[in-house]
Amino acid sequence: MGYGAIVRKIRKEKNMSLRQFAELTGFGHTTIAHIEKEYSNKGKEKLQVYIDTLKQICDRSGYCFRKFLEEAGYIEPIK
């Protein structure tokens, strides 16, 4: 699962709109929308997101960052 789908899943689990989730995480709603789509500039360019940004989203939404990294395929799950 891509990082954008996970961010969307977190937001949906909290039953929040883009604007509400943006306020919670400290980012603009358009930024959250671009992160969820993984594209910027009207879908023309693949979005490069800093790992610190993804960590901040997890921290402020109460989602385990390690779980996020595992779901996104960045690290292997602990056995």
PDB file of N, CA and C in Angstrom:
ATOM      1  N   MET A   1       0.855  -1.170   0.000  1.00  0.00           N
ATOM      2  CA  MET A   1       0.000   0.000   0.000  1.00  0.00           C
ATOM      3  C   MET A   1       0.903   1.237   0.000  1.00  0.00           C
ATOM      4  N   GLY A   2       0.579   2.205  -0.789  1.00  0.00           N
ATOM      5  CA  GLY A   2       1.372   3.424  -0.854  1.00  0.00           C
ATOM      6  C   GLY A   2       1.132   4.327   0.338  1.00  0.00           C
ATOM      7  N   TYR A   3       2.068   5.248   0.553  1.00  0.00           N
ATOM      8  CA  TYR A   3       1.951   6.137   1.706  1.00  0.00           C
ATOM      9  C   TYR A   3       0.687   6.991   1.644  1.00  0.00           C
ATOM     10  N   GLY A   4       0.259   7.376   0.457  1.00  0.00           N
ATOM     11  CA  GLY A   4      -0.943   8.189   0.315  1.00  0.00           C
ATOM     12  C   GLY A   4      -2.198   7.450   0.742  1.00  0.00           C
ATOM     13  N   ALA A   5      -2.281   6.186   0.368  1.00  0.00           N
ATOM     14  CA  ALA A   5      -3.438   5.369   0.758  1.00  0.00           C
ATOM     15  C   ALA A   5      -3.488   5.177   2.265  1.00  0.00           C
ATOM     16  N   ILE A   6      -2.324   5.091   2.889  1.00  0.00           N
ATOM     17  CA  ILE A   6      -2.290   4.930   4.340  1.00  0.00           C
ATOM     18  C   ILE A   6      -2.735   6.212   5.031  1.00  0.00           C
ATOM     19  N   VAL A   7      -2.271   7.353   4.543  1.00  0.00           N
ATOM     20  CA  VAL A   7      -2.700   8.634   5.110  1.00  0.00           C
ATOM     21  C   VAL A   7      -4.213   8.773   4.964  1.00  0.00           C
ATOM     22  N   ARG A   8      -4.748   8.424   3.800  1.00  0.00           N
ATOM     23  CA  ARG A   8      -6.203   8.475   3.594  1.00  0.00           C
ATOM     24  C   ARG A   8      -6.919   7.532   4.563  1.00  0.00           C
ATOM     25  N   LYS A   9      -6.371   6.331   4.760  1.00  0.00           N
ATOM     26  CA  LYS A   9      -6.964   5.362   5.685  1.00  0.00           C
ATOM     27  C   LYS A   9      -7.005   5.920   7.106  1.00  0.00           C
ATOM     28  N   ILE A  10      -5.915   6.548   7.532  1.00  0.00           N
ATOM     29  CA  ILE A  10      -5.862   7.144   8.868  1.00  0.00           C
ATOM     30  C   ILE A  10      -6.941   8.218   9.001  1.00  0.00           C
ATOM     31  N   ARG A  11      -7.040   9.077   8.001  1.00  0.00           N
ATOM     32  CA  ARG A  11      -8.030  10.162   8.029  1.00  0.00           C
ATOM     33  C   ARG A  11      -9.451   9.611   8.064  1.00  0.00           C
ATOM     34  N   LYS A  12      -9.718   8.594   7.250  1.00  0.00           N
ATOM     35  CA  LYS A  12     -11.055   7.999   7.192  1.00  0.00           C
ATOM     36  C   LYS A  12     -11.405   7.288   8.499  1.00  0.00           C
ATOM     37  N   GLU A  13     -10.427   6.621   9.114  1.00  0.00           N
ATOM     38  CA  GLU A  13     -10.652   5.959  10.394  1.00  0.00           C
ATOM     39  C   GLU A  13     -11.052   6.957  11.471  1.00  0.00           C
ATOM     40  N   LYS A  14     -10.560   8.182  11.351  1.00  0.00           N
ATOM     41  CA  LYS A  14     -10.893   9.235  12.302  1.00  0.00           C
ATOM     42  C   LYS A  14     -12.164   9.993  11.898  1.00  0.00           C
ATOM     43  N   ASN A  15     -12.767   9.588  10.768  1.00  0.00           N
ATOM     44  CA  ASN A  15     -13.975  10.247  10.252  1.00  0.00           C
ATOM     45  C   ASN A  15     -13.786  11.757  10.120  1.00  0.00           C
ATOM     46  N   MET A  16     -12.670  12.134   9.513  1.00  0.00           N
ATOM     47  CA  MET A  16     -12.346  13.548   9.369  1.00  0.00           C
ATOM     48  C   MET A  16     -12.331  13.952   7.902  1.00  0.00           C
ATOM     49  N   SER A  17     -12.723  15.197   7.661  1.00  0.00           N
ATOM     50  CA  SER A  17     -12.597  15.770   6.325  1.00  0.00           C
ATOM     51  C   SER A  17     -11.126  16.129   6.105  1.00  0.00           C
ATOM     52  N   LEU A  18     -10.793  16.482   4.870  1.00  0.00           N
ATOM     53  CA  LEU A  18      -9.423  16.928   4.586  1.00  0.00           C
ATOM     54  C   LEU A  18      -9.052  18.114   5.457  1.00  0.00           C
ATOM     55  N   ARG A  19      -9.959  19.074   5.564  1.00  0.00           N
ATOM     56  CA  ARG A  19      -9.688  20.279   6.351  1.00  0.00           C
ATOM     57  C   ARG A  19      -9.501  19.960   7.835  1.00  0.00           C
ATOM     58  N   GLN A  20     -10.324  19.089   8.377  1.00  0.00           N
ATOM     59  CA  GLN A  20     -10.197  18.718   9.785  1.00  0.00           C
ATOM     60  C   GLN A  20      -8.872  17.991  10.040  1.00  0.00           C
ATOM     61  N   PHE A  21      -8.542  17.076   9.147  1.00  0.00           N
ATOM     62  CA  PHE A  21      -7.306  16.317   9.304  1.00  0.00           C
ATOM     63  C   PHE A  21      -6.092  17.232   9.131  1.00  0.00           C
ATOM     64  N   ALA A  22      -6.185  18.166   8.210  1.00  0.00           N
ATOM     65  CA  ALA A  22      -5.098  19.120   8.000  1.00  0.00           C
ATOM     66  C   ALA A  22      -4.865  19.955   9.258  1.00  0.00           C
ATOM     67  N   GLU A  23      -5.952  20.391   9.870  1.00  0.00           N
ATOM     68  CA  GLU A  23      -5.831  21.169  11.103  1.00  0.00           C
ATOM     69  C   GLU A  23      -5.183  20.337  12.211  1.00  0.00           C
ATOM     70  N   LEU A  24      -5.571  19.078  12.319  1.00  0.00           N
ATOM     71  CA  LEU A  24      -5.014  18.180  13.325  1.00  0.00           C
ATOM     72  C   LEU A  24      -3.507  17.980  13.123  1.00  0.00           C
ATOM     73  N   THR A  25      -3.105  17.819  11.878  1.00  0.00           N
ATOM     74  CA  THR A  25      -1.705  17.491  11.585  1.00  0.00           C
ATOM     75  C   THR A  25      -0.810  18.712  11.390  1.00  0.00           C
ATOM     76  N   GLY A  26      -1.412  19.882  11.200  1.00  0.00           N
ATOM     77  CA  GLY A  26      -0.611  21.092  11.039  1.00  0.00           C
ATOM     78  C   GLY A  26      -0.218  21.397   9.605  1.00  0.00           C
ATOM     79  N   PHE A  27      -0.851  20.740   8.655  1.00  0.00           N
ATOM     80  CA  PHE A  27      -0.582  20.993   7.240  1.00  0.00           C
ATOM     81  C   PHE A  27      -1.824  21.588   6.594  1.00  0.00           C
ATOM     82  N   GLY A  28      -1.673  22.162   5.422  1.00  0.00           N
ATOM     83  CA  GLY A  28      -2.817  22.670   4.686  1.00  0.00           C
ATOM     84  C   GLY A  28      -3.621  21.528   4.075  1.00  0.00           C
ATOM     85  N   HIS A  29      -4.916  21.774   3.834  1.00  0.00           N
ATOM     86  CA  HIS A  29      -5.756  20.705   3.284  1.00  0.00           C
ATOM     87  C   HIS A  29      -5.325  20.311   1.871  1.00  0.00           C
ATOM     88  N   THR A  30      -4.784  21.249   1.113  1.00  0.00           N
ATOM     89  CA  THR A  30      -4.306  20.889  -0.230  1.00  0.00           C
ATOM     90  C   THR A  30      -3.056  20.008  -0.137  1.00  0.00           C
ATOM     91  N   THR A  31      -2.234  20.264   0.859  1.00  0.00           N
ATOM     92  CA  THR A  31      -1.050  19.429   1.058  1.00  0.00           C
ATOM     93  C   THR A  31      -1.466  18.000   1.387  1.00  0.00           C
ATOM     94  N   ILE A  32      -2.440  17.853   2.287  1.00  0.00           N
ATOM     95  CA  ILE A  32      -2.933  16.512   2.637  1.00  0.00           C
ATOM     96  C   ILE A  32      -3.530  15.835   1.403  1.00  0.00           C
ATOM     97  N   ALA A  33      -4.284  16.581   0.610  1.00  0.00           N
ATOM     98  CA  ALA A  33      -4.878  16.015  -0.610  1.00  0.00           C
ATOM     99  C   ALA A  33      -3.793  15.531  -1.565  1.00  0.00           C
ATOM    100  N   HIS A  34      -2.732  16.316  -1.734  1.00  0.00           N
ATOM    101  CA  HIS A  34      -1.629  15.909  -2.613  1.00  0.00           C
ATOM    102  C   HIS A  34      -0.922  14.676  -2.055  1.00  0.00           C
ATOM    103  N   ILE A  35      -0.733  14.636  -0.744  1.00  0.00           N
ATOM    104  CA  ILE A  35      -0.082  13.471  -0.128  1.00  0.00           C
ATOM    105  C   ILE A  35      -0.928  12.223  -0.356  1.00  0.00           C
ATOM    106  N   GLU A  36      -2.230  12.333  -0.168  1.00  0.00           N
ATOM    107  CA  GLU A  36      -3.111  11.177  -0.368  1.00  0.00           C
ATOM    108  C   GLU A  36      -3.074  10.682  -1.811  1.00  0.00           C
ATOM    109  N   LYS A  37      -2.986  11.597  -2.754  1.00  0.00           N
ATOM    110  CA  LYS A  37      -2.943  11.222  -4.177  1.00  0.00           C
ATOM    111  C   LYS A  37      -1.545  10.820  -4.624  1.00  0.00           C
ATOM    112  N   GLU A  38      -0.545  11.213  -3.842  1.00  0.00           N
ATOM    113  CA  GLU A  38       0.870  10.989  -4.137  1.00  0.00           C
ATOM    114  C   GLU A  38       1.339  11.747  -5.374  1.00  0.00           C
ATOM    115  N   TYR A  39       0.554  12.707  -5.798  1.00  0.00           N
ATOM    116  CA  TYR A  39       0.924  13.528  -6.949  1.00  0.00           C
ATOM    117  C   TYR A  39       0.669  14.990  -6.645  1.00  0.00           C
ATOM    118  N   SER A  40       1.459  15.842  -7.249  1.00  0.00           N
ATOM    119  CA  SER A  40       1.256  17.277  -7.129  1.00  0.00           C
ATOM    120  C   SER A  40       1.087  17.865  -8.517  1.00  0.00           C
ATOM    121  N   ASN A  41       0.824  19.131  -8.557  1.00  0.00           N
ATOM    122  CA  ASN A  41       0.749  19.851  -9.829  1.00  0.00           C
ATOM    123  C   ASN A  41      -0.257  19.210 -10.787  1.00  0.00           C
ATOM    124  N   LYS A  42      -1.483  19.032 -10.298  1.00  0.00           N
ATOM    125  CA  LYS A  42      -2.586  18.473 -11.091  1.00  0.00           C
ATOM    126  C   LYS A  42      -2.280  17.074 -11.626  1.00  0.00           C
ATOM    127  N   GLY A  43      -1.595  16.280 -10.823  1.00  0.00           N
ATOM    128  CA  GLY A  43      -1.335  14.889 -11.174  1.00  0.00           C
ATOM    129  C   GLY A  43      -0.222  14.679 -12.171  1.00  0.00           C
ATOM    130  N   LYS A  44       0.542  15.720 -12.442  1.00  0.00           N
ATOM    131  CA  LYS A  44       1.595  15.606 -13.442  1.00  0.00           C
ATOM    132  C   LYS A  44       2.936  15.153 -12.872  1.00  0.00           C
ATOM    133  N   GLU A  45       3.160  15.419 -11.594  1.00  0.00           N
ATOM    134  CA  GLU A  45       4.450  15.092 -10.995  1.00  0.00           C
ATOM    135  C   GLU A  45       4.260  14.224  -9.766  1.00  0.00           C
ATOM    136  N   LYS A  46       5.045  13.156  -9.662  1.00  0.00           N
ATOM    137  CA  LYS A  46       5.026  12.297  -8.480  1.00  0.00           C
ATOM    138  C   LYS A  46       5.518  13.122  -7.294  1.00  0.00           C
ATOM    139  N   LEU A  47       4.784  13.097  -6.204  1.00  0.00           N
ATOM    140  CA  LEU A  47       5.097  13.894  -5.028  1.00  0.00           C
ATOM    141  C   LEU A  47       6.201  13.243  -4.208  1.00  0.00           C
ATOM    142  N   GLN A  48       7.205  14.009  -3.885  1.00  0.00           N
ATOM    143  CA  GLN A  48       8.287  13.554  -3.012  1.00  0.00           C
ATOM    144  C   GLN A  48       8.002  14.094  -1.618  1.00  0.00           C
ATOM    145  N   VAL A  49       7.706  13.206  -0.671  1.00  0.00           N
ATOM    146  CA  VAL A  49       7.346  13.606   0.682  1.00  0.00           C
ATOM    147  C   VAL A  49       8.488  13.245   1.629  1.00  0.00           C
ATOM    148  N   TYR A  50       8.871  14.202   2.451  1.00  0.00           N
ATOM    149  CA  TYR A  50       9.898  13.937   3.454  1.00  0.00           C
ATOM    150  C   TYR A  50       9.367  12.953   4.486  1.00  0.00           C
ATOM    151  N   ILE A  51      10.247  12.083   4.954  1.00  0.00           N
ATOM    152  CA  ILE A  51       9.871  11.111   5.972  1.00  0.00           C
ATOM    153  C   ILE A  51       9.437  11.826   7.248  1.00  0.00           C
ATOM    154  N   ASP A  52      10.033  12.987   7.525  1.00  0.00           N
ATOM    155  CA  ASP A  52       9.646  13.774   8.703  1.00  0.00           C
ATOM    156  C   ASP A  52       8.188  14.226   8.611  1.00  0.00           C
ATOM    157  N   THR A  53       7.728  14.525   7.409  1.00  0.00           N
ATOM    158  CA  THR A  53       6.335  14.930   7.210  1.00  0.00           C
ATOM    159  C   THR A  53       5.407  13.771   7.532  1.00  0.00           C
ATOM    160  N   LEU A  54       5.737  12.600   7.051  1.00  0.00           N
ATOM    161  CA  LEU A  54       4.913  11.417   7.328  1.00  0.00           C
ATOM    162  C   LEU A  54       4.926  11.085   8.822  1.00  0.00           C
ATOM    163  N   LYS A  55       6.072  11.247   9.461  1.00  0.00           N
ATOM    164  CA  LYS A  55       6.152  11.008  10.912  1.00  0.00           C
ATOM    165  C   LYS A  55       5.288  12.012  11.659  1.00  0.00           C
ATOM    166  N   GLN A  56       5.320  13.256  11.256  1.00  0.00           N
ATOM    167  CA  GLN A  56       4.505  14.277  11.909  1.00  0.00           C
ATOM    168  C   GLN A  56       3.014  13.957  11.768  1.00  0.00           C
ATOM    169  N   ILE A  57       2.614  13.513  10.600  1.00  0.00           N
ATOM    170  CA  ILE A  57       1.211  13.124  10.388  1.00  0.00           C
ATOM    171  C   ILE A  57       0.840  11.991  11.336  1.00  0.00           C
ATOM    172  N   CYS A  58       1.711  10.989  11.444  1.00  0.00           N
ATOM    173  CA  CYS A  58       1.447   9.860  12.348  1.00  0.00           C
ATOM    174  C   CYS A  58       1.403  10.316  13.796  1.00  0.00           C
ATOM    175  N   ASP A  59       2.389  11.095  14.200  1.00  0.00           N
ATOM    176  CA  ASP A  59       2.456  11.544  15.593  1.00  0.00           C
ATOM    177  C   ASP A  59       1.223  12.349  15.985  1.00  0.00           C
ATOM    178  N   ARG A  60       0.840  13.274  15.136  1.00  0.00           N
ATOM    179  CA  ARG A  60      -0.281  14.157  15.475  1.00  0.00           C
ATOM    180  C   ARG A  60      -1.641  13.483  15.343  1.00  0.00           C
ATOM    181  N   SER A  61      -1.695  12.384  14.613  1.00  0.00           N
ATOM    182  CA  SER A  61      -2.968  11.674  14.474  1.00  0.00           C
ATOM    183  C   SER A  61      -3.041  10.457  15.397  1.00  0.00           C
ATOM    184  N   GLY A  62      -1.943  10.181  16.098  1.00  0.00           N
ATOM    185  CA  GLY A  62      -1.928   9.058  17.025  1.00  0.00           C
ATOM    186  C   GLY A  62      -1.746   7.707  16.354  1.00  0.00           C
ATOM    187  N   TYR A  63      -1.163   7.693  15.167  1.00  0.00           N
ATOM    188  CA  TYR A  63      -0.955   6.447  14.436  1.00  0.00           C
ATOM    189  C   TYR A  63       0.497   6.008  14.622  1.00  0.00           C
ATOM    190  N   CYS A  64       0.710   4.745  14.861  1.00  0.00           N
ATOM    191  CA  CYS A  64       2.059   4.214  15.085  1.00  0.00           C
ATOM    192  C   CYS A  64       2.905   4.370  13.811  1.00  0.00           C
ATOM    193  N   PHE A  65       4.012   5.076  13.946  1.00  0.00           N
ATOM    194  CA  PHE A  65       4.859   5.338  12.781  1.00  0.00           C
ATOM    195  C   PHE A  65       5.492   4.060  12.260  1.00  0.00           C
ATOM    196  N   ARG A  66       5.873   3.165  13.147  1.00  0.00           N
ATOM    197  CA  ARG A  66       6.448   1.884  12.702  1.00  0.00           C
ATOM    198  C   ARG A  66       5.432   1.113  11.870  1.00  0.00           C
ATOM    199  N   LYS A  67       4.182   1.075  12.331  1.00  0.00           N
ATOM    200  CA  LYS A  67       3.126   0.395  11.582  1.00  0.00           C
ATOM    201  C   LYS A  67       2.959   1.039  10.211  1.00  0.00           C
ATOM    202  N   PHE A  68       3.010   2.366  10.168  1.00  0.00           N
ATOM    203  CA  PHE A  68       2.916   3.087   8.903  1.00  0.00           C
ATOM    204  C   PHE A  68       4.023   2.641   7.949  1.00  0.00           C
ATOM    205  N   LEU A  69       5.248   2.604   8.450  1.00  0.00           N
ATOM    206  CA  LEU A  69       6.390   2.204   7.616  1.00  0.00           C
ATOM    207  C   LEU A  69       6.259   0.769   7.124  1.00  0.00           C
ATOM    208  N   GLU A  70       5.750  -0.116   7.988  1.00  0.00           N
ATOM    209  CA  GLU A  70       5.540  -1.509   7.586  1.00  0.00           C
ATOM    210  C   GLU A  70       4.474  -1.607   6.507  1.00  0.00           C
ATOM    211  N   GLU A  71       3.345  -0.924   6.700  1.00  0.00           N
ATOM    212  CA  GLU A  71       2.255  -0.970   5.727  1.00  0.00           C
ATOM    213  C   GLU A  71       2.667  -0.394   4.374  1.00  0.00           C
ATOM    214  N   ALA A  72       3.515   0.619   4.410  1.00  0.00           N
ATOM    215  CA  ALA A  72       3.979   1.245   3.167  1.00  0.00           C
ATOM    216  C   ALA A  72       5.086   0.432   2.494  1.00  0.00           C
ATOM    217  N   GLY A  73       5.602  -0.581   3.196  1.00  0.00           N
ATOM    218  CA  GLY A  73       6.632  -1.427   2.609  1.00  0.00           C
ATOM    219  C   GLY A  73       8.026  -0.864   2.735  1.00  0.00           C
ATOM    220  N   TYR A  74       8.203   0.130   3.591  1.00  0.00           N
ATOM    221  CA  TYR A  74       9.531   0.729   3.776  1.00  0.00           C
ATOM    222  C   TYR A  74      10.415  -0.128   4.669  1.00  0.00           C
ATOM    223  N   ILE A  75       9.794  -0.861   5.613  1.00  0.00           N
ATOM    224  CA  ILE A  75      10.557  -1.739   6.497  1.00  0.00           C
ATOM    225  C   ILE A  75       9.812  -3.062   6.636  1.00  0.00           C
ATOM    226  N   GLU A  76      10.545  -4.081   7.065  1.00  0.00           N
ATOM    227  CA  GLU A  76       9.953  -5.403   7.275  1.00  0.00           C
ATOM    228  C   GLU A  76       9.255  -5.447   8.630  1.00  0.00           C
ATOM    229  N   PRO A  77       8.139  -6.146   8.718  1.00  0.00           N
ATOM    230  CA  PRO A  77       7.467  -6.299  10.027  1.00  0.00           C
ATOM    231  C   PRO A  77       8.353  -7.084  10.992  1.00  0.00           C
ATOM    232  N   ILE A  78       8.209  -6.764  12.267  1.00  0.00           N
ATOM    233  CA  ILE A  78       8.918  -7.509  13.310  1.00  0.00           C
ATOM    234  C   ILE A  78       8.226  -8.855  13.496  1.00  0.00           C
ATOM    235  N   LYS A  79       9.016  -9.890  13.570  1.00  0.00           N
ATOM    236  CA  LYS A  79       8.438 -11.233  13.725  1.00  0.00           C
ATOM    237  C   LYS A  79       8.505 -11.681  15.140  1.00  0.00           C
TER     238      LYS A  79
END
